[in-house]
Amino acid sequence: MSRANPFDDLTDFDADPTAKPVTADAIDQIAQSSGFPSRKADGTAKATANETVATTLPPASPARPPRRHVTGRNRQINIKATEETIARLYTVADALGLPLGAVLEQALEALALDKGIK
């Protein structure tokens, strides 16, 4: 039993000979009216693209030194928190000299003891 060659008949993908090509000016006009930023090297398009990004992104948090700890922790979680909570987590981790996972473990253990949870 042989398989059919998937590249044997590609006539469905031939260009339509009656189609007229679209001019570059028409494409530029449609892109501009749709708010699509240009990749051209002139400074005007780049400036407007940067302004758009700057207005939509939240303010950058201050740079922290990278943390690299070799531990037995190999699972990752992703949680949402306020900026203040995240900053407090990093402050506690830095003050204790522990990785974030160890701080989470200690915090959960303290909460469980406080609430009487085993």
PDB file of N, CA and C in Angstrom:
ATOM      1  N   MET A   1       0.853  -1.172   0.000  1.00  0.00           N
ATOM      2  CA  MET A   1       0.000   0.000   0.000  1.00  0.00           C
ATOM      3  C   MET A   1       0.899   1.236   0.000  1.00  0.00           C
ATOM      4  N   SER A   2       0.678   2.124  -0.899  1.00  0.00           N
ATOM      5  CA  SER A   2       1.491   3.330  -0.978  1.00  0.00           C
ATOM      6  C   SER A   2       0.660   4.537  -0.559  1.00  0.00           C
ATOM      7  N   ARG A   3       1.364   5.513  -0.087  1.00  0.00           N
ATOM      8  CA  ARG A   3       0.692   6.747   0.337  1.00  0.00           C
ATOM      9  C   ARG A   3       0.633   7.731  -0.817  1.00  0.00           C
ATOM     10  N   ALA A   4      -0.373   8.586  -0.774  1.00  0.00           N
ATOM     11  CA  ALA A   4      -0.492   9.635  -1.779  1.00  0.00           C
ATOM     12  C   ALA A   4       0.480  10.756  -1.442  1.00  0.00           C
ATOM     13  N   ASN A   5       1.079  11.329  -2.461  1.00  0.00           N
ATOM     14  CA  ASN A   5       2.003  12.441  -2.272  1.00  0.00           C
ATOM     15  C   ASN A   5       1.185  13.709  -1.996  1.00  0.00           C
ATOM     16  N   PRO A   6       1.362  14.338  -0.841  1.00  0.00           N
ATOM     17  CA  PRO A   6       0.564  15.530  -0.542  1.00  0.00           C
ATOM     18  C   PRO A   6       0.919  16.727  -1.430  1.00  0.00           C
ATOM     19  N   PHE A   7       2.075  16.676  -2.090  1.00  0.00           N
ATOM     20  CA  PHE A   7       2.488  17.785  -2.943  1.00  0.00           C
ATOM     21  C   PHE A   7       2.226  17.506  -4.425  1.00  0.00           C
ATOM     22  N   ASP A   8       1.518  16.442  -4.696  1.00  0.00           N
ATOM     23  CA  ASP A   8       1.297  16.015  -6.071  1.00  0.00           C
ATOM     24  C   ASP A   8       0.428  16.993  -6.855  1.00  0.00           C
ATOM     25  N   ASP A   9      -0.664  17.463  -6.262  1.00  0.00           N
ATOM     26  CA  ASP A   9      -1.587  18.341  -6.981  1.00  0.00           C
ATOM     27  C   ASP A   9      -1.812  19.615  -6.173  1.00  0.00           C
ATOM     28  N   LEU A  10      -1.111  20.669  -6.524  1.00  0.00           N
ATOM     29  CA  LEU A  10      -1.245  21.949  -5.833  1.00  0.00           C
ATOM     30  C   LEU A  10      -1.888  23.002  -6.729  1.00  0.00           C
ATOM     31  N   THR A  11      -2.658  22.584  -7.696  1.00  0.00           N
ATOM     32  CA  THR A  11      -3.276  23.531  -8.635  1.00  0.00           C
ATOM     33  C   THR A  11      -4.305  24.418  -7.944  1.00  0.00           C
ATOM     34  N   ASP A  12      -4.834  23.985  -6.810  1.00  0.00           N
ATOM     35  CA  ASP A  12      -5.806  24.817  -6.088  1.00  0.00           C
ATOM     36  C   ASP A  12      -5.167  26.094  -5.557  1.00  0.00           C
ATOM     37  N   PHE A  13      -3.846  26.092  -5.444  1.00  0.00           N
ATOM     38  CA  PHE A  13      -3.150  27.238  -4.877  1.00  0.00           C
ATOM     39  C   PHE A  13      -2.571  28.181  -5.927  1.00  0.00           C
ATOM     40  N   ASP A  14      -2.878  27.965  -7.181  1.00  0.00           N
ATOM     41  CA  ASP A  14      -2.401  28.863  -8.231  1.00  0.00           C
ATOM     42  C   ASP A  14      -3.033  30.234  -8.062  1.00  0.00           C
ATOM     43  N   ALA A  15      -2.300  31.272  -8.418  1.00  0.00           N
ATOM     44  CA  ALA A  15      -2.812  32.637  -8.326  1.00  0.00           C
ATOM     45  C   ALA A  15      -3.935  32.841  -9.335  1.00  0.00           C
ATOM     46  N   ASP A  16      -4.891  33.660  -8.963  1.00  0.00           N
ATOM     47  CA  ASP A  16      -6.005  33.979  -9.845  1.00  0.00           C
ATOM     48  C   ASP A  16      -5.493  34.917 -10.935  1.00  0.00           C
ATOM     49  N   PRO A  17      -5.511  34.495 -12.193  1.00  0.00           N
ATOM     50  CA  PRO A  17      -4.959  35.336 -13.260  1.00  0.00           C
ATOM     51  C   PRO A  17      -5.779  36.604 -13.509  1.00  0.00           C
ATOM     52  N   THR A  18      -7.035  36.642 -13.076  1.00  0.00           N
ATOM     53  CA  THR A  18      -7.865  37.825 -13.310  1.00  0.00           C
ATOM     54  C   THR A  18      -7.759  38.843 -12.175  1.00  0.00           C
ATOM     55  N   ALA A  19      -7.130  38.474 -11.076  1.00  0.00           N
ATOM     56  CA  ALA A  19      -7.011  39.383  -9.933  1.00  0.00           C
ATOM     57  C   ALA A  19      -5.998  40.480 -10.240  1.00  0.00           C
ATOM     58  N   LYS A  20      -6.358  41.707  -9.854  1.00  0.00           N
ATOM     59  CA  LYS A  20      -5.464  42.846 -10.052  1.00  0.00           C
ATOM     60  C   LYS A  20      -4.617  43.035  -8.793  1.00  0.00           C
ATOM     61  N   PRO A  21      -3.330  43.318  -8.947  1.00  0.00           N
ATOM     62  CA  PRO A  21      -2.493  43.525  -7.762  1.00  0.00           C
ATOM     63  C   PRO A  21      -2.880  44.822  -7.040  1.00  0.00           C
ATOM     64  N   VAL A  22      -2.739  44.803  -5.730  1.00  0.00           N
ATOM     65  CA  VAL A  22      -3.052  45.961  -4.907  1.00  0.00           C
ATOM     66  C   VAL A  22      -1.794  46.818  -4.807  1.00  0.00           C
ATOM     67  N   THR A  23      -1.955  48.125  -4.973  1.00  0.00           N
ATOM     68  CA  THR A  23      -0.799  49.016  -4.926  1.00  0.00           C
ATOM     69  C   THR A  23      -0.320  49.200  -3.484  1.00  0.00           C
ATOM     70  N   ALA A  24       0.941  49.533  -3.351  1.00  0.00           N
ATOM     71  CA  ALA A  24       1.529  49.751  -2.025  1.00  0.00           C
ATOM     72  C   ALA A  24       0.874  50.941  -1.330  1.00  0.00           C
ATOM     73  N   ASP A  25       0.478  51.956  -2.094  1.00  0.00           N
ATOM     74  CA  ASP A  25      -0.187  53.118  -1.499  1.00  0.00           C
ATOM     75  C   ASP A  25      -1.525  52.732  -0.881  1.00  0.00           C
ATOM     76  N   ALA A  26      -2.264  51.860  -1.558  1.00  0.00           N
ATOM     77  CA  ALA A  26      -3.552  51.420  -1.029  1.00  0.00           C
ATOM     78  C   ALA A  26      -3.356  50.623   0.259  1.00  0.00           C
ATOM     79  N   ILE A  27      -2.331  49.793   0.287  1.00  0.00           N
ATOM     80  CA  ILE A  27      -2.041  49.008   1.496  1.00  0.00           C
ATOM     81  C   ILE A  27      -1.655  49.937   2.642  1.00  0.00           C
ATOM     82  N   ASP A  28      -0.808  50.934   2.365  1.00  0.00           N
ATOM     83  CA  ASP A  28      -0.402  51.896   3.391  1.00  0.00           C
ATOM     84  C   ASP A  28      -1.603  52.666   3.935  1.00  0.00           C
ATOM     85  N   GLN A  29      -2.522  53.045   3.049  1.00  0.00           N
ATOM     86  CA  GLN A  29      -3.695  53.806   3.468  1.00  0.00           C
ATOM     87  C   GLN A  29      -4.595  52.946   4.361  1.00  0.00           C
ATOM     88  N   ILE A  30      -4.804  51.695   3.993  1.00  0.00           N
ATOM     89  CA  ILE A  30      -5.625  50.801   4.812  1.00  0.00           C
ATOM     90  C   ILE A  30      -4.963  50.572   6.168  1.00  0.00           C
ATOM     91  N   ALA A  31      -3.658  50.353   6.176  1.00  0.00           N
ATOM     92  CA  ALA A  31      -2.939  50.123   7.431  1.00  0.00           C
ATOM     93  C   ALA A  31      -3.020  51.348   8.331  1.00  0.00           C
ATOM     94  N   GLN A  32      -2.871  52.536   7.759  1.00  0.00           N
ATOM     95  CA  GLN A  32      -2.907  53.761   8.554  1.00  0.00           C
ATOM     96  C   GLN A  32      -4.304  53.991   9.120  1.00  0.00           C
ATOM     97  N   SER A  33      -5.344  53.765   8.317  1.00  0.00           N
ATOM     98  CA  SER A  33      -6.699  53.986   8.804  1.00  0.00           C
ATOM     99  C   SER A  33      -7.102  52.949   9.853  1.00  0.00           C
ATOM    100  N   SER A  34      -6.461  51.776   9.830  1.00  0.00           N
ATOM    101  CA  SER A  34      -6.749  50.728  10.812  1.00  0.00           C
ATOM    102  C   SER A  34      -5.889  50.853  12.063  1.00  0.00           C
ATOM    103  N   GLY A  35      -4.939  51.777  12.051  1.00  0.00           N
ATOM    104  CA  GLY A  35      -4.069  51.963  13.204  1.00  0.00           C
ATOM    105  C   GLY A  35      -2.960  50.930  13.283  1.00  0.00           C
ATOM    106  N   PHE A  36      -2.637  50.296  12.183  1.00  0.00           N
ATOM    107  CA  PHE A  36      -1.575  49.298  12.158  1.00  0.00           C
ATOM    108  C   PHE A  36      -0.248  50.002  11.997  1.00  0.00           C
ATOM    109  N   PRO A  37       0.702  49.810  12.951  1.00  0.00           N
ATOM    110  CA  PRO A  37       1.976  50.527  12.865  1.00  0.00           C
ATOM    111  C   PRO A  37       2.845  50.020  11.725  1.00  0.00           C
ATOM    112  N   SER A  38       3.582  50.918  11.130  1.00  0.00           N
ATOM    113  CA  SER A  38       4.473  50.570  10.036  1.00  0.00           C
ATOM    114  C   SER A  38       5.800  50.079  10.566  1.00  0.00           C
ATOM    115  N   ARG A  39       6.462  49.216   9.802  1.00  0.00           N
ATOM    116  CA  ARG A  39       7.795  48.743  10.178  1.00  0.00           C
ATOM    117  C   ARG A  39       8.879  49.485   9.404  1.00  0.00           C
ATOM    118  N   LYS A  40       8.496  50.503   8.703  1.00  0.00           N
ATOM    119  CA  LYS A  40       9.473  51.263   7.931  1.00  0.00           C
ATOM    120  C   LYS A  40      10.457  51.956   8.864  1.00  0.00           C
ATOM    121  N   ALA A  41      11.640  52.249   8.352  1.00  0.00           N
ATOM    122  CA  ALA A  41      12.729  52.764   9.175  1.00  0.00           C
ATOM    123  C   ALA A  41      12.598  54.246   9.521  1.00  0.00           C
ATOM    124  N   ASP A  42      11.662  54.958   8.948  1.00  0.00           N
ATOM    125  CA  ASP A  42      11.553  56.380   9.268  1.00  0.00           C
ATOM    126  C   ASP A  42      11.096  56.551  10.711  1.00  0.00           C
ATOM    127  N   GLY A  43      11.485  57.638  11.341  1.00  0.00           N
ATOM    128  CA  GLY A  43      11.268  57.856  12.759  1.00  0.00           C
ATOM    129  C   GLY A  43       9.830  58.122  13.146  1.00  0.00           C
ATOM    130  N   THR A  44       8.968  58.557  12.226  1.00  0.00           N
ATOM    131  CA  THR A  44       7.607  58.922  12.601  1.00  0.00           C
ATOM    132  C   THR A  44       6.791  57.714  13.013  1.00  0.00           C
ATOM    133  N   ALA A  45       6.847  56.653  12.248  1.00  0.00           N
ATOM    134  CA  ALA A  45       6.064  55.469  12.584  1.00  0.00           C
ATOM    135  C   ALA A  45       6.569  54.849  13.878  1.00  0.00           C
ATOM    136  N   LYS A  46       7.859  54.860  14.076  1.00  0.00           N
ATOM    137  CA  LYS A  46       8.450  54.280  15.279  1.00  0.00           C
ATOM    138  C   LYS A  46       8.043  55.080  16.513  1.00  0.00           C
ATOM    139  N   ALA A  47       8.024  56.386  16.391  1.00  0.00           N
ATOM    140  CA  ALA A  47       7.654  57.223  17.526  1.00  0.00           C
ATOM    141  C   ALA A  47       6.209  56.975  17.936  1.00  0.00           C
ATOM    142  N   THR A  48       5.306  56.879  16.966  1.00  0.00           N
ATOM    143  CA  THR A  48       3.908  56.662  17.316  1.00  0.00           C
ATOM    144  C   THR A  48       3.710  55.273  17.890  1.00  0.00           C
ATOM    145  N   ALA A  49       4.451  54.289  17.407  1.00  0.00           N
ATOM    146  CA  ALA A  49       4.333  52.934  17.954  1.00  0.00           C
ATOM    147  C   ALA A  49       4.830  52.913  19.393  1.00  0.00           C
ATOM    148  N   ASN A  50       5.936  53.592  19.672  1.00  0.00           N
ATOM    149  CA  ASN A  50       6.459  53.636  21.032  1.00  0.00           C
ATOM    150  C   ASN A  50       5.512  54.377  21.965  1.00  0.00           C
ATOM    151  N   GLU A  51       4.877  55.442  21.485  1.00  0.00           N
ATOM    152  CA  GLU A  51       3.923  56.170  22.303  1.00  0.00           C
ATOM    153  C   GLU A  51       2.732  55.290  22.636  1.00  0.00           C
ATOM    154  N   THR A  52       2.278  54.490  21.669  1.00  0.00           N
ATOM    155  CA  THR A  52       1.148  53.597  21.897  1.00  0.00           C
ATOM    156  C   THR A  52       1.501  52.567  22.955  1.00  0.00           C
ATOM    157  N   VAL A  53       2.669  51.969  22.850  1.00  0.00           N
ATOM    158  CA  VAL A  53       3.094  50.971  23.827  1.00  0.00           C
ATOM    159  C   VAL A  53       3.245  51.613  25.196  1.00  0.00           C
ATOM    160  N   ALA A  54       3.815  52.804  25.258  1.00  0.00           N
ATOM    161  CA  ALA A  54       4.046  53.472  26.536  1.00  0.00           C
ATOM    162  C   ALA A  54       2.727  53.788  27.237  1.00  0.00           C
ATOM    163  N   THR A  55       1.684  54.079  26.488  1.00  0.00           N
ATOM    164  CA  THR A  55       0.421  54.427  27.118  1.00  0.00           C
ATOM    165  C   THR A  55      -0.371  53.196  27.538  1.00  0.00           C
ATOM    166  N   THR A  56      -0.071  52.011  26.976  1.00  0.00           N
ATOM    167  CA  THR A  56      -0.850  50.829  27.313  1.00  0.00           C
ATOM    168  C   THR A  56      -0.186  49.955  28.368  1.00  0.00           C
ATOM    169  N   LEU A  57       1.103  50.099  28.608  1.00  0.00           N
ATOM    170  CA  LEU A  57       1.796  49.265  29.581  1.00  0.00           C
ATOM    171  C   LEU A  57       1.768  49.907  30.958  1.00  0.00           C
ATOM    172  N   PRO A  58       1.692  49.075  31.998  1.00  0.00           N
ATOM    173  CA  PRO A  58       1.762  49.645  33.354  1.00  0.00           C
ATOM    174  C   PRO A  58       3.176  50.120  33.626  1.00  0.00           C
ATOM    175  N   PRO A  59       3.342  50.987  34.605  1.00  0.00           N
ATOM    176  CA  PRO A  59       4.687  51.469  34.907  1.00  0.00           C
ATOM    177  C   PRO A  59       5.578  50.306  35.320  1.00  0.00           C
ATOM    178  N   ALA A  60       6.816  50.367  34.881  1.00  0.00           N
ATOM    179  CA  ALA A  60       7.754  49.289  35.172  1.00  0.00           C
ATOM    180  C   ALA A  60       8.133  49.308  36.644  1.00  0.00           C
ATOM    181  N   SER A  61       8.199  48.120  37.223  1.00  0.00           N
ATOM    182  CA  SER A  61       8.631  48.043  38.619  1.00  0.00           C
ATOM    183  C   SER A  61      10.149  48.165  38.661  1.00  0.00           C
ATOM    184  N   PRO A  62      10.692  48.602  39.780  1.00  0.00           N
ATOM    185  CA  PRO A  62      12.136  48.794  39.853  1.00  0.00           C
ATOM    186  C   PRO A  62      12.865  47.474  39.614  1.00  0.00           C
ATOM    187  N   ALA A  63      14.014  47.573  38.988  1.00  0.00           N
ATOM    188  CA  ALA A  63      14.784  46.377  38.664  1.00  0.00           C
ATOM    189  C   ALA A  63      15.309  45.723  39.935  1.00  0.00           C
ATOM    190  N   ARG A  64      15.161  44.397  39.993  1.00  0.00           N
ATOM    191  CA  ARG A  64      15.668  43.631  41.124  1.00  0.00           C
ATOM    192  C   ARG A  64      16.842  42.798  40.648  1.00  0.00           C
ATOM    193  N   PRO A  65      17.762  42.515  41.536  1.00  0.00           N
ATOM    194  CA  PRO A  65      18.860  41.631  41.126  1.00  0.00           C
ATOM    195  C   PRO A  65      18.310  40.231  40.869  1.00  0.00           C
ATOM    196  N   PRO A  66      18.902  39.504  39.934  1.00  0.00           N
ATOM    197  CA  PRO A  66      18.385  38.166  39.645  1.00  0.00           C
ATOM    198  C   PRO A  66      18.565  37.235  40.837  1.00  0.00           C
ATOM    199  N   ARG A  67      17.622  36.322  40.977  1.00  0.00           N
ATOM    200  CA  ARG A  67      17.689  35.350  42.064  1.00  0.00           C
ATOM    201  C   ARG A  67      17.962  33.983  41.464  1.00  0.00           C
ATOM    202  N   ARG A  68      18.991  33.346  41.945  1.00  0.00           N
ATOM    203  CA  ARG A  68      19.307  32.001  41.453  1.00  0.00           C
ATOM    204  C   ARG A  68      19.616  31.137  42.666  1.00  0.00           C
ATOM    205  N   HIS A  69      18.703  30.250  43.013  1.00  0.00           N
ATOM    206  CA  HIS A  69      18.883  29.337  44.127  1.00  0.00           C
ATOM    207  C   HIS A  69      18.706  27.919  43.607  1.00  0.00           C
ATOM    208  N   VAL A  70      19.633  27.050  43.955  1.00  0.00           N
ATOM    209  CA  VAL A  70      19.510  25.652  43.580  1.00  0.00           C
ATOM    210  C   VAL A  70      18.824  24.944  44.741  1.00  0.00           C
ATOM    211  N   THR A  71      17.593  24.519  44.506  1.00  0.00           N
ATOM    212  CA  THR A  71      16.801  23.863  45.547  1.00  0.00           C
ATOM    213  C   THR A  71      16.139  22.637  44.940  1.00  0.00           C
ATOM    214  N   GLY A  72      15.413  21.916  45.749  1.00  0.00           N
ATOM    215  CA  GLY A  72      14.664  20.762  45.257  1.00  0.00           C
ATOM    216  C   GLY A  72      13.321  21.147  44.672  1.00  0.00           C
ATOM    217  N   ARG A  73      13.047  22.422  44.629  1.00  0.00           N
ATOM    218  CA  ARG A  73      11.749  22.866  44.110  1.00  0.00           C
ATOM    219  C   ARG A  73      11.797  22.876  42.590  1.00  0.00           C
ATOM    220  N   ASN A  74      10.896  22.132  41.981  1.00  0.00           N
ATOM    221  CA  ASN A  74      10.896  22.070  40.523  1.00  0.00           C
ATOM    222  C   ASN A  74       9.519  22.296  39.919  1.00  0.00           C
ATOM    223  N   ARG A  75       8.582  22.779  40.703  1.00  0.00           N
ATOM    224  CA  ARG A  75       7.248  23.069  40.208  1.00  0.00           C
ATOM    225  C   ARG A  75       7.032  24.576  40.237  1.00  0.00           C
ATOM    226  N   GLN A  76       6.243  25.056  39.311  1.00  0.00           N
ATOM    227  CA  GLN A  76       6.022  26.495  39.210  1.00  0.00           C
ATOM    228  C   GLN A  76       4.544  26.789  39.346  1.00  0.00           C
ATOM    229  N   ILE A  77       4.216  27.894  40.030  1.00  0.00           N
ATOM    230  CA  ILE A  77       2.834  28.358  40.097  1.00  0.00           C
ATOM    231  C   ILE A  77       2.808  29.799  39.613  1.00  0.00           C
ATOM    232  N   ASN A  78       1.681  30.192  39.115  1.00  0.00           N
ATOM    233  CA  ASN A  78       1.504  31.557  38.649  1.00  0.00           C
ATOM    234  C   ASN A  78       0.280  32.116  39.355  1.00  0.00           C
ATOM    235  N   ILE A  79       0.469  33.154  40.139  1.00  0.00           N
ATOM    236  CA  ILE A  79      -0.642  33.743  40.870  1.00  0.00           C
ATOM    237  C   ILE A  79      -0.708  35.236  40.574  1.00  0.00           C
ATOM    238  N   LYS A  80      -1.895  35.772  40.691  1.00  0.00           N
ATOM    239  CA  LYS A  80      -2.057  37.213  40.527  1.00  0.00           C
ATOM    240  C   LYS A  80      -2.066  37.861  41.905  1.00  0.00           C
ATOM    241  N   ALA A  81      -1.406  38.980  42.009  1.00  0.00           N
ATOM    242  CA  ALA A  81      -1.347  39.702  43.280  1.00  0.00           C
ATOM    243  C   ALA A  81      -1.199  41.186  42.977  1.00  0.00           C
ATOM    244  N   THR A  82      -1.435  41.995  43.995  1.00  0.00           N
ATOM    245  CA  THR A  82      -1.246  43.431  43.815  1.00  0.00           C
ATOM    246  C   THR A  82       0.247  43.738  43.796  1.00  0.00           C
ATOM    247  N   GLU A  83       0.580  44.895  43.286  1.00  0.00           N
ATOM    248  CA  GLU A  83       1.980  45.318  43.238  1.00  0.00           C
ATOM    249  C   GLU A  83       2.570  45.391  44.643  1.00  0.00           C
ATOM    250  N   GLU A  84       1.761  45.824  45.604  1.00  0.00           N
ATOM    251  CA  GLU A  84       2.240  45.932  46.980  1.00  0.00           C
ATOM    252  C   GLU A  84       2.560  44.556  47.559  1.00  0.00           C
ATOM    253  N   THR A  85       1.703  43.564  47.283  1.00  0.00           N
ATOM    254  CA  THR A  85       1.937  42.213  47.788  1.00  0.00           C
ATOM    255  C   THR A  85       3.195  41.611  47.192  1.00  0.00           C
ATOM    256  N   ILE A  86       3.386  41.808  45.909  1.00  0.00           N
ATOM    257  CA  ILE A  86       4.584  41.286  45.238  1.00  0.00           C
ATOM    258  C   ILE A  86       5.831  41.951  45.807  1.00  0.00           C
ATOM    259  N   ALA A  87       5.771  43.265  45.996  1.00  0.00           N
ATOM    260  CA  ALA A  87       6.918  43.983  46.551  1.00  0.00           C
ATOM    261  C   ALA A  87       7.217  43.489  47.966  1.00  0.00           C
ATOM    262  N   ARG A  88       6.171  43.231  48.752  1.00  0.00           N
ATOM    263  CA  ARG A  88       6.383  42.743  50.126  1.00  0.00           C
ATOM    264  C   ARG A  88       6.995  41.342  50.116  1.00  0.00           C
ATOM    265  N   LEU A  89       6.550  40.483  49.210  1.00  0.00           N
ATOM    266  CA  LEU A  89       7.111  39.144  49.093  1.00  0.00           C
ATOM    267  C   LEU A  89       8.604  39.206  48.796  1.00  0.00           C
ATOM    268  N   TYR A  90       8.984  40.040  47.837  1.00  0.00           N
ATOM    269  CA  TYR A  90      10.405  40.173  47.501  1.00  0.00           C
ATOM    270  C   TYR A  90      11.201  40.801  48.652  1.00  0.00           C
ATOM    271  N   THR A  91      10.606  41.745  49.355  1.00  0.00           N
ATOM    272  CA  THR A  91      11.291  42.369  50.490  1.00  0.00           C
ATOM    273  C   THR A  91      11.565  41.343  51.584  1.00  0.00           C
ATOM    274  N   VAL A  92      10.570  40.520  51.895  1.00  0.00           N
ATOM    275  CA  VAL A  92      10.741  39.483  52.920  1.00  0.00           C
ATOM    276  C   VAL A  92      11.785  38.464  52.463  1.00  0.00           C
ATOM    277  N   ALA A  93      11.706  38.040  51.202  1.00  0.00           N
ATOM    278  CA  ALA A  93      12.664  37.058  50.685  1.00  0.00           C
ATOM    279  C   ALA A  93      14.090  37.608  50.748  1.00  0.00           C
ATOM    280  N   ASP A  94      14.251  38.874  50.380  1.00  0.00           N
ATOM    281  CA  ASP A  94      15.582  39.489  50.427  1.00  0.00           C
ATOM    282  C   ASP A  94      16.089  39.612  51.864  1.00  0.00           C
ATOM    283  N   ALA A  95      15.198  40.007  52.780  1.00  0.00           N
ATOM    284  CA  ALA A  95      15.602  40.185  54.172  1.00  0.00           C
ATOM    285  C   ALA A  95      16.004  38.856  54.803  1.00  0.00           C
ATOM    286  N   LEU A  96      15.327  37.776  54.438  1.00  0.00           N
ATOM    287  CA  LEU A  96      15.641  36.465  54.999  1.00  0.00           C
ATOM    288  C   LEU A  96      16.718  35.733  54.209  1.00  0.00           C
ATOM    289  N   GLY A  97      17.010  36.227  53.009  1.00  0.00           N
ATOM    290  CA  GLY A  97      17.996  35.560  52.166  1.00  0.00           C
ATOM    291  C   GLY A  97      17.511  34.216  51.647  1.00  0.00           C
ATOM    292  N   LEU A  98      16.216  34.111  51.425  1.00  0.00           N
ATOM    293  CA  LEU A  98      15.606  32.851  50.993  1.00  0.00           C
ATOM    294  C   LEU A  98      14.999  32.983  49.601  1.00  0.00           C
ATOM    295  N   PRO A  99      14.880  31.881  48.893  1.00  0.00           N
ATOM    296  CA  PRO A  99      14.148  31.922  47.630  1.00  0.00           C
ATOM    297  C   PRO A  99      12.654  32.088  47.895  1.00  0.00           C
ATOM    298  N   LEU A 100      11.930  32.508  46.888  1.00  0.00           N
ATOM    299  CA  LEU A 100      10.506  32.783  47.049  1.00  0.00           C
ATOM    300  C   LEU A 100       9.734  31.543  47.484  1.00  0.00           C
ATOM    301  N   GLY A 101      10.118  30.379  46.988  1.00  0.00           N
ATOM    302  CA  GLY A 101       9.428  29.145  47.367  1.00  0.00           C
ATOM    303  C   GLY A 101       9.554  28.859  48.850  1.00  0.00           C
ATOM    304  N   ALA A 102      10.733  29.111  49.427  1.00  0.00           N
ATOM    305  CA  ALA A 102      10.933  28.889  50.860  1.00  0.00           C
ATOM    306  C   ALA A 102      10.111  29.880  51.676  1.00  0.00           C
ATOM    307  N   VAL A 103      10.016  31.115  51.212  1.00  0.00           N
ATOM    308  CA  VAL A 103       9.198  32.111  51.905  1.00  0.00           C
ATOM    309  C   VAL A 103       7.736  31.689  51.872  1.00  0.00           C
ATOM    310  N   LEU A 104       7.282  31.202  50.735  1.00  0.00           N
ATOM    311  CA  LEU A 104       5.896  30.726  50.624  1.00  0.00           C
ATOM    312  C   LEU A 104       5.664  29.554  51.567  1.00  0.00           C
ATOM    313  N   GLU A 105       6.592  28.597  51.618  1.00  0.00           N
ATOM    314  CA  GLU A 105       6.449  27.452  52.519  1.00  0.00           C
ATOM    315  C   GLU A 105       6.335  27.904  53.969  1.00  0.00           C
ATOM    316  N   GLN A 106       7.212  28.813  54.387  1.00  0.00           N
ATOM    317  CA  GLN A 106       7.184  29.288  55.775  1.00  0.00           C
ATOM    318  C   GLN A 106       5.906  30.062  56.074  1.00  0.00           C
ATOM    319  N   ALA A 107       5.460  30.869  55.112  1.00  0.00           N
ATOM    320  CA  ALA A 107       4.235  31.643  55.313  1.00  0.00           C
ATOM    321  C   ALA A 107       3.017  30.722  55.428  1.00  0.00           C
ATOM    322  N   LEU A 108       2.962  29.684  54.599  1.00  0.00           N
ATOM    323  CA  LEU A 108       1.844  28.743  54.670  1.00  0.00           C
ATOM    324  C   LEU A 108       1.873  27.954  55.978  1.00  0.00           C
ATOM    325  N   GLU A 109       3.053  27.564  56.414  1.00  0.00           N
ATOM    326  CA  GLU A 109       3.178  26.834  57.677  1.00  0.00           C
ATOM    327  C   GLU A 109       2.728  27.706  58.842  1.00  0.00           C
ATOM    328  N   ALA A 110       3.145  28.966  58.856  1.00  0.00           N
ATOM    329  CA  ALA A 110       2.730  29.880  59.934  1.00  0.00           C
ATOM    330  C   ALA A 110       1.224  30.109  59.908  1.00  0.00           C
ATOM    331  N   LEU A 111       0.641  30.259  58.737  1.00  0.00           N
ATOM    332  CA  LEU A 111      -0.806  30.463  58.630  1.00  0.00           C
ATOM    333  C   LEU A 111      -1.555  29.219  59.092  1.00  0.00           C
ATOM    334  N   ALA A 112      -1.076  28.042  58.697  1.00  0.00           N
ATOM    335  CA  ALA A 112      -1.727  26.806  59.108  1.00  0.00           C
ATOM    336  C   ALA A 112      -1.661  26.630  60.617  1.00  0.00           C
ATOM    337  N   LEU A 113      -0.521  26.947  61.222  1.00  0.00           N
ATOM    338  CA  LEU A 113      -0.405  26.850  62.686  1.00  0.00           C
ATOM    339  C   LEU A 113      -1.337  27.838  63.381  1.00  0.00           C
ATOM    340  N   ASP A 114      -1.420  29.028  62.858  1.00  0.00           N
ATOM    341  CA  ASP A 114      -2.266  30.078  63.433  1.00  0.00           C
ATOM    342  C   ASP A 114      -3.741  29.683  63.363  1.00  0.00           C
ATOM    343  N   LYS A 115      -4.135  29.037  62.277  1.00  0.00           N
ATOM    344  CA  LYS A 115      -5.556  28.682  62.072  1.00  0.00           C
ATOM    345  C   LYS A 115      -5.879  27.276  62.563  1.00  0.00           C
ATOM    346  N   GLY A 116      -4.869  26.543  63.044  1.00  0.00           N
ATOM    347  CA  GLY A 116      -5.101  25.189  63.539  1.00  0.00           C
ATOM    348  C   GLY A 116      -5.348  24.179  62.438  1.00  0.00           C
ATOM    349  N   ILE A 117      -4.738  24.403  61.294  1.00  0.00           N
ATOM    350  CA  ILE A 117      -4.889  23.496  60.148  1.00  0.00           C
ATOM    351  C   ILE A 117      -3.688  22.554  60.133  1.00  0.00           C
ATOM    352  N   LYS A 118      -3.944  21.255  59.932  1.00  0.00           N
ATOM    353  CA  LYS A 118      -2.833  20.295  59.885  1.00  0.00           C
ATOM    354  C   LYS A 118      -2.242  20.219  58.518  1.00  0.00           C
TER     355      LYS A 118
END
